[in-house]
Amino acid sequence: MVKRQGEGHQRENMYYICMRLHEQIINNNNNTIYSLVMLVLIV
């Protein structure tokens, strides 16, 4: 049951990014659109 190191980390990173994005949206709505654009660019 050996995982390739890429796959699991990618999913965890996406989850982490989404959580950070959610925090940003709550903290300041001014950066929401910018953050969403950055998220799309990352994906």
N, C-alpha and C. Protein backbone atom coordinates (compact mmCIF):
# COMPACT_ATOMS: atom_id res chain seq x y z
N MET A 1 0.85 -1.21 0.00
CA MET A 1 0.00 0.00 0.00
C MET A 1 0.89 1.26 0.00
N VAL A 2 1.76 1.33 -0.97
CA VAL A 2 2.63 2.52 -1.05
C VAL A 2 2.01 3.52 -1.99
N LYS A 3 1.79 4.73 -1.48
CA LYS A 3 1.23 5.79 -2.32
C LYS A 3 2.34 6.54 -3.01
N ARG A 4 2.08 6.96 -4.24
CA ARG A 4 3.00 7.90 -4.85
C ARG A 4 2.85 9.22 -4.11
N GLN A 5 3.97 9.86 -3.85
CA GLN A 5 3.94 11.01 -2.95
C GLN A 5 3.17 12.18 -3.53
N GLY A 6 3.03 12.24 -4.86
CA GLY A 6 2.37 13.39 -5.48
C GLY A 6 0.89 13.46 -5.18
N GLU A 7 0.18 12.34 -5.33
CA GLU A 7 -1.28 12.38 -5.36
C GLU A 7 -1.88 12.84 -4.04
N GLY A 8 -1.51 12.20 -2.95
CA GLY A 8 -2.09 12.54 -1.66
C GLY A 8 -1.81 13.98 -1.28
N HIS A 9 -0.56 14.41 -1.54
CA HIS A 9 -0.19 15.77 -1.17
C HIS A 9 -0.97 16.79 -1.99
N GLN A 10 -1.21 16.47 -3.26
CA GLN A 10 -1.96 17.40 -4.11
C GLN A 10 -3.34 17.63 -3.52
N ARG A 11 -3.99 16.54 -3.10
CA ARG A 11 -5.34 16.67 -2.56
C ARG A 11 -5.31 17.46 -1.26
N GLU A 12 -4.34 17.18 -0.39
CA GLU A 12 -4.23 17.91 0.87
C GLU A 12 -3.96 19.39 0.60
N ASN A 13 -3.13 19.68 -0.39
CA ASN A 13 -2.83 21.07 -0.73
C ASN A 13 -4.08 21.79 -1.20
N MET A 14 -4.89 21.14 -2.03
CA MET A 14 -6.13 21.76 -2.51
C MET A 14 -7.05 22.05 -1.33
N TYR A 15 -7.15 21.08 -0.41
CA TYR A 15 -8.00 21.27 0.77
C TYR A 15 -7.50 22.45 1.60
N TYR A 16 -6.18 22.50 1.79
CA TYR A 16 -5.57 23.58 2.57
C TYR A 16 -5.83 24.93 1.90
N ILE A 17 -5.64 24.99 0.58
CA ILE A 17 -5.86 26.24 -0.15
C ILE A 17 -7.30 26.68 -0.02
N CYS A 18 -8.23 25.73 -0.13
CA CYS A 18 -9.65 26.07 -0.03
C CYS A 18 -9.97 26.61 1.36
N MET A 19 -9.39 26.00 2.39
CA MET A 19 -9.64 26.46 3.75
C MET A 19 -9.08 27.87 3.94
N ARG A 20 -7.88 28.12 3.45
CA ARG A 20 -7.28 29.45 3.54
C ARG A 20 -8.13 30.47 2.80
N LEU A 21 -8.63 30.07 1.63
CA LEU A 21 -9.45 30.96 0.83
C LEU A 21 -10.72 31.31 1.59
N HIS A 22 -11.30 30.31 2.25
CA HIS A 22 -12.52 30.52 3.02
C HIS A 22 -12.25 31.52 4.15
N GLU A 23 -11.10 31.37 4.82
CA GLU A 23 -10.73 32.31 5.88
C GLU A 23 -10.60 33.72 5.32
N GLN A 24 -9.97 33.84 4.15
CA GLN A 24 -9.78 35.16 3.55
C GLN A 24 -11.11 35.80 3.23
N ILE A 25 -12.04 35.00 2.70
CA ILE A 25 -13.36 35.52 2.33
C ILE A 25 -14.07 36.06 3.57
N ILE A 26 -13.93 35.33 4.70
CA ILE A 26 -14.57 35.77 5.94
C ILE A 26 -13.89 37.05 6.45
N ASN A 27 -12.55 37.07 6.38
CA ASN A 27 -11.80 38.19 6.96
C ASN A 27 -12.00 39.49 6.19
N ASN A 28 -11.86 39.43 4.88
CA ASN A 28 -12.00 40.67 4.09
C ASN A 28 -12.57 40.35 2.71
N ASN A 29 -13.72 40.91 2.44
CA ASN A 29 -14.40 40.62 1.19
C ASN A 29 -13.77 41.35 0.00
N ASN A 30 -12.89 42.31 0.27
CA ASN A 30 -12.26 43.03 -0.84
C ASN A 30 -11.36 42.12 -1.66
N ASN A 31 -10.72 41.16 -1.01
CA ASN A 31 -9.76 40.30 -1.70
C ASN A 31 -10.41 39.05 -2.27
N THR A 32 -11.72 38.91 -2.13
CA THR A 32 -12.38 37.67 -2.52
C THR A 32 -12.18 37.37 -3.99
N ILE A 33 -12.46 38.34 -4.85
CA ILE A 33 -12.36 38.11 -6.29
C ILE A 33 -10.92 37.80 -6.66
N TYR A 34 -9.98 38.55 -6.12
CA TYR A 34 -8.56 38.33 -6.40
C TYR A 34 -8.15 36.92 -5.98
N SER A 35 -8.60 36.50 -4.80
CA SER A 35 -8.25 35.17 -4.29
C SER A 35 -8.82 34.09 -5.19
N LEU A 36 -10.07 34.28 -5.63
CA LEU A 36 -10.69 33.29 -6.51
C LEU A 36 -9.93 33.19 -7.83
N VAL A 37 -9.50 34.34 -8.36
CA VAL A 37 -8.73 34.33 -9.60
C VAL A 37 -7.43 33.58 -9.40
N MET A 38 -6.76 33.84 -8.28
CA MET A 38 -5.50 33.16 -7.99
C MET A 38 -5.71 31.66 -7.86
N LEU A 39 -6.82 31.26 -7.22
CA LEU A 39 -7.12 29.84 -7.06
C LEU A 39 -7.30 29.18 -8.41
N VAL A 40 -8.02 29.86 -9.32
CA VAL A 40 -8.22 29.31 -10.66
C VAL A 40 -6.89 29.19 -11.39
N LEU A 41 -6.03 30.19 -11.23
CA LEU A 41 -4.73 30.15 -11.90
C LEU A 41 -3.89 29.00 -11.37
N ILE A 42 -3.97 28.74 -10.07
CA ILE A 42 -3.21 27.65 -9.46
C ILE A 42 -3.69 26.31 -10.02
N VAL A 43 -5.01 26.17 -10.12
CA VAL A 43 -5.57 24.92 -10.66
C VAL A 43 -5.34 24.91 -12.16
